[in-house]
Protein backbone atom coordinates (compact mmCIF):
# COMPACT_ATOMS: atom_id res chain seq x y z
CA UNK A 1 -2.13 26.51 17.18
CA UNK A 2 0.00 23.69 15.75
CA UNK A 3 -0.51 22.78 12.10
CA UNK A 4 -1.75 19.31 13.08
CA UNK A 5 -4.32 20.80 15.45
CA UNK A 6 -5.33 23.34 12.81
CA UNK A 7 -5.94 20.55 10.27
CA UNK A 8 -8.06 18.66 12.78
CA UNK A 9 -10.00 21.80 13.67
CA UNK A 10 -10.66 22.44 9.98
CA UNK A 11 -11.93 18.91 9.57
CA UNK A 12 -14.27 19.28 12.54
CA UNK A 13 -15.59 22.53 11.11
CA UNK A 14 -16.23 20.88 7.77
CA UNK A 15 -18.10 18.02 9.39
CA UNK A 16 -20.10 20.35 11.62
CA UNK A 17 -21.22 22.44 8.66
CA UNK A 18 -23.16 19.49 7.25
CA UNK A 19 -24.69 18.32 10.52
CA UNK A 20 -28.04 20.07 10.09
CA UNK A 21 -28.33 18.93 6.47
CA UNK A 22 -27.48 15.35 7.41
CA UNK A 23 -30.10 15.28 10.14
CA UNK A 24 -32.71 16.55 7.68
CA UNK A 25 -31.73 14.02 5.01
CA UNK A 26 -31.68 10.93 7.25
CA UNK A 27 -34.17 11.48 10.08
CA UNK A 28 -35.18 7.80 9.86
CA UNK A 29 -31.72 6.35 10.47
CA UNK A 30 -30.86 4.37 12.50
CA UNK A 31 -33.85 2.47 13.79
CA UNK A 32 -32.02 -0.75 14.74
CA UNK A 33 -28.56 -1.89 15.94
CA UNK A 34 -25.48 -1.34 13.79
CA UNK A 35 -22.79 -3.95 13.12
CA UNK A 36 -19.16 -2.79 13.06
CA UNK A 37 -17.04 -5.47 11.39
CA UNK A 38 -13.42 -5.75 12.52
CA UNK A 39 -11.51 -7.82 9.94
CA UNK A 40 -8.91 -8.97 12.49
CA UNK A 41 -8.97 -11.02 15.72
CA UNK A 42 -9.73 -9.39 19.08
CA UNK A 43 -6.88 -7.67 20.89
CA UNK A 44 -5.14 -5.86 18.05
CA UNK A 45 -5.05 -2.13 17.41
CA UNK A 46 -7.98 -2.07 14.97
CA UNK A 47 -10.12 -4.09 17.38
CA UNK A 48 -9.23 -1.80 20.29
CA UNK A 49 -10.05 1.31 18.28
CA UNK A 50 -13.41 -0.18 17.28
CA UNK A 51 -14.26 -0.88 20.91
CA UNK A 52 -13.14 2.63 21.86
CA UNK A 53 -15.24 4.43 19.25
CA UNK A 54 -18.22 2.04 19.18
CA UNK A 55 -19.83 3.06 22.50
CA UNK A 56 -19.65 6.76 21.64
CA UNK A 57 -21.16 6.05 18.22
CA UNK A 58 -23.95 4.07 19.89
CA UNK A 59 -24.67 6.87 22.36
CA UNK A 60 -24.86 9.50 19.62
CA UNK A 61 -27.06 7.41 17.31
CA UNK A 62 -29.29 5.97 20.01
CA UNK A 63 -28.77 2.38 18.84
CA UNK A 64 -26.36 -0.39 19.95
CA UNK A 65 -23.17 -0.86 17.91
CA UNK A 66 -22.10 -4.52 17.89
CA UNK A 67 -18.41 -5.17 17.20
CA UNK A 68 -18.14 -8.28 15.04
CA UNK A 69 -14.66 -9.79 14.52
CA UNK A 70 -14.31 -11.46 11.10
CA UNK A 71 -10.57 -12.26 10.73
CA UNK A 72 -8.87 -13.99 7.85
CA UNK A 73 -6.93 -13.44 4.62
CA UNK A 74 -5.19 -10.30 5.85
CA UNK A 75 -8.49 -8.52 6.48
CA UNK A 76 -10.10 -9.54 3.18
CA UNK A 77 -12.74 -11.85 4.65
CA UNK A 78 -14.17 -9.11 6.84
CA UNK A 79 -14.04 -6.65 3.97
CA UNK A 80 -15.89 -9.13 1.75
CA UNK A 81 -18.57 -9.53 4.42
CA UNK A 82 -19.17 -5.77 4.39
CA UNK A 83 -19.00 -5.48 0.60
CA UNK A 84 -21.87 -7.98 0.33
CA UNK A 85 -24.03 -6.09 2.85
CA UNK A 86 -26.76 -3.60 1.99
CA UNK A 87 -25.60 0.01 1.64
CA UNK A 88 -27.98 1.25 4.32
CA UNK A 89 -25.64 2.30 7.13
CA UNK A 90 -26.30 -0.71 9.35
CA UNK A 91 -23.13 -2.61 8.41
CA UNK A 92 -19.81 -0.76 8.75
CA UNK A 93 -16.18 -1.81 8.45
CA UNK A 94 -13.31 -0.84 10.72
CA UNK A 95 -10.98 0.20 7.93
CA UNK A 96 -7.17 0.06 7.82
CA UNK A 97 -4.38 -0.14 5.18
CA UNK A 98 -5.32 -3.60 3.81
CA UNK A 99 -8.21 -1.90 2.01
CA UNK A 100 -5.74 0.08 -0.11
CA UNK A 101 -3.01 -2.60 -0.18
CA UNK A 102 -4.95 -5.76 -1.08
CA UNK A 103 -6.12 -4.62 -4.54
CA UNK A 104 -2.46 -4.00 -5.42
CA UNK A 105 -1.06 -7.38 -4.38
CA UNK A 106 -3.85 -9.97 -4.60
CA UNK A 107 -4.43 -11.55 -8.00
CA UNK A 108 -7.97 -12.31 -6.89
CA UNK A 109 -9.98 -10.71 -4.08
CA UNK A 110 -13.14 -12.15 -2.49
CA UNK A 111 -14.87 -8.80 -3.12
CA UNK A 112 -14.75 -6.03 -5.75
CA UNK A 113 -12.71 -3.15 -4.25
CA UNK A 114 -15.17 -0.62 -5.66
CA UNK A 115 -17.89 -2.15 -3.47
CA UNK A 116 -16.40 -0.49 -0.37
CA UNK A 117 -16.17 3.26 0.15
CA UNK A 118 -14.40 5.28 2.85
CA UNK A 119 -16.59 7.12 5.34
CA UNK A 120 -14.14 8.66 7.79
CA UNK A 121 -10.47 8.56 8.68
CA UNK A 122 -10.17 8.60 12.47
CA UNK A 123 -6.50 8.31 13.34
CA UNK A 124 -2.94 7.37 12.47
CA UNK A 125 -0.32 5.32 14.27
CA UNK A 126 3.38 4.69 13.82
CA UNK A 127 4.81 1.28 13.00
CA UNK A 128 7.96 0.13 14.78
CA UNK A 129 10.66 -2.39 13.78
CA UNK A 130 11.22 -4.98 16.51
CA UNK A 131 13.44 -7.89 17.55
CA UNK A 132 13.35 -10.13 20.60
CA UNK A 133 15.27 -8.63 23.54
CA UNK A 134 17.55 -11.70 23.47
CA UNK A 135 18.52 -11.04 19.86
CA UNK A 136 22.10 -9.88 19.22
CA UNK A 137 20.72 -7.39 16.67
CA UNK A 138 20.71 -3.92 18.18
CA UNK A 139 20.30 -1.66 15.15
CA UNK A 140 18.82 -1.51 11.65
CA UNK A 141 22.35 -1.66 10.24
CA UNK A 142 23.02 -4.89 12.13
CA UNK A 143 19.72 -6.32 10.89
CA UNK A 144 20.77 -5.67 7.31
CA UNK A 145 24.21 -7.20 7.88
CA UNK A 146 22.73 -10.30 9.52
CA UNK A 147 20.13 -10.78 6.77
CA UNK A 148 22.73 -10.44 4.02
CA UNK A 149 25.09 -12.84 5.79
CA UNK A 150 22.29 -15.44 5.96
CA UNK A 151 20.14 -14.82 2.87
CA UNK A 152 16.70 -16.38 3.22
CA UNK A 153 17.46 -17.91 6.63
CA UNK A 154 15.94 -15.14 8.75
CA UNK A 155 12.18 -14.76 8.96
CA UNK A 156 9.72 -12.07 9.93
CA UNK A 157 6.19 -12.20 11.28
CA UNK A 158 3.18 -10.10 10.31
CA UNK A 159 -0.51 -9.94 11.04
CA UNK A 160 -1.32 -11.36 7.61
CA UNK A 161 -0.74 -10.99 3.90
CA UNK A 162 -1.58 -7.55 2.56
CA UNK A 163 -1.39 -5.69 5.86
CA UNK A 164 0.70 -2.58 6.47
CA UNK A 165 3.01 -4.63 8.71
CA UNK A 166 3.63 -7.08 5.85
CA UNK A 167 4.22 -4.30 3.31
CA UNK A 168 6.43 -2.39 5.75
CA UNK A 169 8.93 -5.23 5.76
CA UNK A 170 8.60 -5.78 2.03
CA UNK A 171 9.41 -2.09 1.52
CA UNK A 172 12.48 -2.48 3.75
CA UNK A 173 13.57 -5.56 1.79
CA UNK A 174 13.06 -3.75 -1.50
CA UNK A 175 15.19 -0.78 -0.42
CA UNK A 176 17.90 -2.66 1.51
CA UNK A 177 18.19 -5.82 -0.59
CA UNK A 178 17.82 -8.01 2.52
CA UNK A 179 16.31 -11.47 2.00
CA UNK A 180 13.98 -12.26 4.93
CA UNK A 181 11.20 -14.85 4.70
CA UNK A 182 7.62 -13.84 5.48
CA UNK A 183 5.58 -15.81 8.05
CA UNK A 184 2.00 -14.47 8.13
CA UNK A 185 -0.24 -14.93 11.18
CA UNK A 186 -3.97 -14.41 11.62
CA UNK A 187 -3.42 -11.26 13.62
CA UNK A 188 -0.81 -9.01 15.20
CA UNK A 189 -1.19 -10.78 18.55
CA UNK A 190 -0.14 -14.10 17.00
CA UNK A 191 2.87 -12.53 15.31
CA UNK A 192 3.92 -10.85 18.56
CA UNK A 193 3.60 -14.15 20.44
CA UNK A 194 5.93 -15.70 17.86
CA UNK A 195 8.46 -12.89 18.26
CA UNK A 196 8.39 -13.20 22.05
CA UNK A 197 8.92 -16.95 21.74
CA UNK A 198 11.80 -16.52 19.29
CA UNK A 199 9.92 -18.26 16.48
CA UNK A 200 10.48 -15.29 14.15
CA UNK A 201 13.53 -13.04 14.08
CA UNK A 202 11.99 -9.66 13.43
CA UNK A 203 8.71 -7.88 12.69
CA UNK A 204 7.04 -4.54 12.31
CA UNK A 205 4.13 -3.84 14.64
CA UNK A 206 1.88 -0.94 15.46
CA UNK A 207 3.50 1.05 18.24
CA UNK A 208 0.50 0.91 20.64
CA UNK A 209 0.53 -2.91 20.67
CA UNK A 210 4.31 -3.15 20.97
CA UNK A 211 4.86 -0.48 23.60
CA UNK A 212 4.03 -2.57 26.70
CA UNK A 213 6.46 -5.31 25.59
CA UNK A 214 9.16 -2.72 24.83
CA UNK A 215 8.74 -1.11 28.24
CA UNK A 216 8.80 -4.53 29.91
CA UNK A 217 12.15 -5.26 28.25
CA UNK A 218 10.84 -8.28 26.32
CA UNK A 219 11.44 -6.87 22.84
CA UNK A 220 13.79 -4.24 21.41
CA UNK A 221 12.72 -1.39 19.14
CA UNK A 222 15.21 -0.75 16.33
CA UNK A 223 13.43 2.12 14.55
CA UNK A 224 10.05 3.72 13.93
CA UNK A 225 8.68 3.80 10.39
CA UNK A 226 7.75 7.48 10.26
CA UNK A 227 9.31 10.84 9.43
CA UNK A 228 9.46 11.87 13.08
CA UNK A 229 10.51 10.02 16.22
CA UNK A 230 7.81 8.82 18.56
CA UNK A 231 7.14 10.84 21.68
CA UNK A 232 6.71 7.50 23.46
CA UNK A 233 10.17 6.30 22.28
CA UNK A 234 12.27 9.45 21.91
CA UNK A 235 15.58 7.53 21.89
CA UNK A 236 14.57 5.23 19.03
CA UNK A 237 15.59 6.54 15.57
CA UNK A 238 13.38 6.69 12.52
CA UNK A 239 14.09 4.34 9.62
CA UNK A 240 15.34 7.40 7.72
CA UNK A 241 17.78 8.24 10.51
CA UNK A 242 18.86 4.60 10.58
CA UNK A 243 19.98 4.86 6.98
CA UNK A 244 16.95 3.50 5.09
CA UNK A 245 15.94 6.14 2.53
CA UNK A 246 12.36 6.83 1.35
CA UNK A 247 10.88 4.97 4.31
CA UNK A 248 7.76 6.54 5.79
CA UNK A 249 4.88 4.15 6.47
CA UNK A 250 2.25 5.36 8.92
CA UNK A 251 -0.69 3.07 9.59
CA UNK A 252 -4.20 4.51 9.74
CA UNK A 253 -7.67 3.46 10.82
CA UNK A 254 -11.18 4.64 10.12
CA UNK A 255 -14.66 3.61 9.04
CA UNK A 256 -15.78 2.31 5.64
CA UNK A 257 -19.12 1.07 4.34
CA UNK A 258 -20.70 -0.73 1.37
CA UNK A 259 -20.55 1.54 -1.67
CA UNK A 260 -23.68 3.56 -2.35
CA UNK A 261 -24.34 4.73 1.21
CA UNK A 262 -27.14 7.34 1.19
CA UNK A 263 -25.66 10.83 1.43
CA UNK A 264 -27.55 11.79 4.56
CA UNK A 265 -26.47 8.61 6.35
CA UNK A 266 -22.84 9.16 5.40
CA UNK A 267 -22.88 12.76 6.54
CA UNK A 268 -24.47 11.89 9.86
CA UNK A 269 -21.94 9.11 10.39
CA UNK A 270 -19.05 11.49 9.69
CA UNK A 271 -20.47 14.04 12.10
CA UNK A 272 -20.94 11.67 15.04
CA UNK A 273 -17.52 10.11 14.44
CA UNK A 274 -15.92 13.57 14.38
CA UNK A 275 -17.72 14.44 17.61
CA UNK A 276 -16.50 11.20 19.20
CA UNK A 277 -12.84 11.69 18.27
CA UNK A 278 -13.05 15.33 19.38
CA UNK A 279 -13.99 14.38 22.94
CA UNK A 280 -11.04 14.70 25.35
CA UNK A 281 -11.67 11.21 26.71
CA UNK A 282 -11.43 9.41 23.37
CA UNK A 283 -8.65 11.62 22.04
CA UNK A 284 -6.62 10.97 25.18
CA UNK A 285 -7.38 7.25 25.10
CA UNK A 286 -6.06 7.10 21.54
CA UNK A 287 -2.94 9.03 22.48
CA UNK A 288 -2.36 6.80 25.50
CA UNK A 289 -2.17 3.86 23.09
CA UNK A 290 0.20 5.65 20.73
CA UNK A 291 -2.42 6.67 18.15
CA UNK A 292 -2.96 10.19 16.85
CA UNK A 293 -6.51 11.43 16.14
CA UNK A 294 -6.65 12.52 12.51
CA UNK A 295 -9.77 13.53 10.63
CA UNK A 296 -10.16 14.50 6.98
CA UNK A 297 -12.99 16.16 5.10
CA UNK A 298 -14.65 13.89 2.53
CA UNK A 299 -12.83 15.28 -0.52
CA UNK A 300 -9.47 15.04 1.25
CA UNK A 301 -10.31 11.53 2.43
CA UNK A 302 -10.93 10.30 -1.11
CA UNK A 303 -7.65 11.87 -2.24
CA UNK A 304 -5.81 10.19 0.65
CA UNK A 305 -7.41 6.85 -0.25
CA UNK A 306 -6.37 7.17 -3.90
CA UNK A 307 -2.80 8.21 -3.05
CA UNK A 308 -2.36 5.36 -0.55
CA UNK A 309 -3.63 2.87 -3.14
CA UNK A 310 -1.22 4.25 -5.74
CA UNK A 311 1.74 3.98 -3.37
CA UNK A 312 1.16 0.30 -2.68
CA UNK A 313 0.57 -0.41 -6.36
CA UNK A 314 3.99 1.07 -7.14
CA UNK A 315 5.66 -1.05 -4.44
CA UNK A 316 3.88 -4.23 -5.58
CA UNK A 317 5.03 -3.60 -9.13
CA UNK A 318 8.62 -2.67 -8.21
CA UNK A 319 9.13 -5.49 -5.68
CA UNK A 320 7.15 -8.10 -7.59
CA UNK A 321 4.72 -8.71 -4.72
CA UNK A 322 1.74 -10.83 -5.75
CA UNK A 323 -0.46 -13.21 -3.80
CA UNK A 324 -2.71 -15.82 -5.39
């Protein structure tokens, strides 16, 4: 068994061990529909993962799960909506890196970060560095040369301030010294539209969203932002291979909730989510979109959350990233 599969199997075992306890602790829940808030517009990776997992969650819990898109402020408006909700298990958040990034870079947030707690990590996905297929830039080295030859004249798109795609480029700028201007959009789809139209020069995107455009020859992948090459793009180097040291930024997605969720509700949620991701259909659907199922036990999840927050705090401090 591969180490990755072993880790997943261990996580499933850990979740399964608490299933009977959870059922005993929360026999009353749920008795009405659940709302799953997606803090980004429809069509992006986080939205697609919500609509993939939601029906399975609904089937297991016996109640409808309504996906509610609340985009804005790099995911902060949706997060604020959930932070204000009752901690009863009926309002959930489709979580992603902005939850650990935003507290590091925003001078003021519309919600207290401690009002949201992680419930389950469901998967990871690689980010990929992209240019328009018509661009003369064909490598990361050429991108750096072009940016340094025209300081501040090139621009890059992202799906909003405080997202992993924004911080990916800021990390590249910090390491390489390139000066590239940020143009935030309300979602990844808007940023990709701008790249396809030639309105921005370069961007990072989640691999699942970018892959169809890469395969269609509309955009060019320069590198993937992970330690290992993508199985979907075996000829595309990693940022490390392309000469950018200390560059490993893997996006993630999962479920969060208002802080103070009853223990039995949280345990039952983790169990049904683990069961969903363990099904061959959902696991394969994730893999088909370039995502990797990845589950962590609760203690490991909290450690992951803390480490991810610390990493972005270091970058924000080093690179001087702050948003009013």
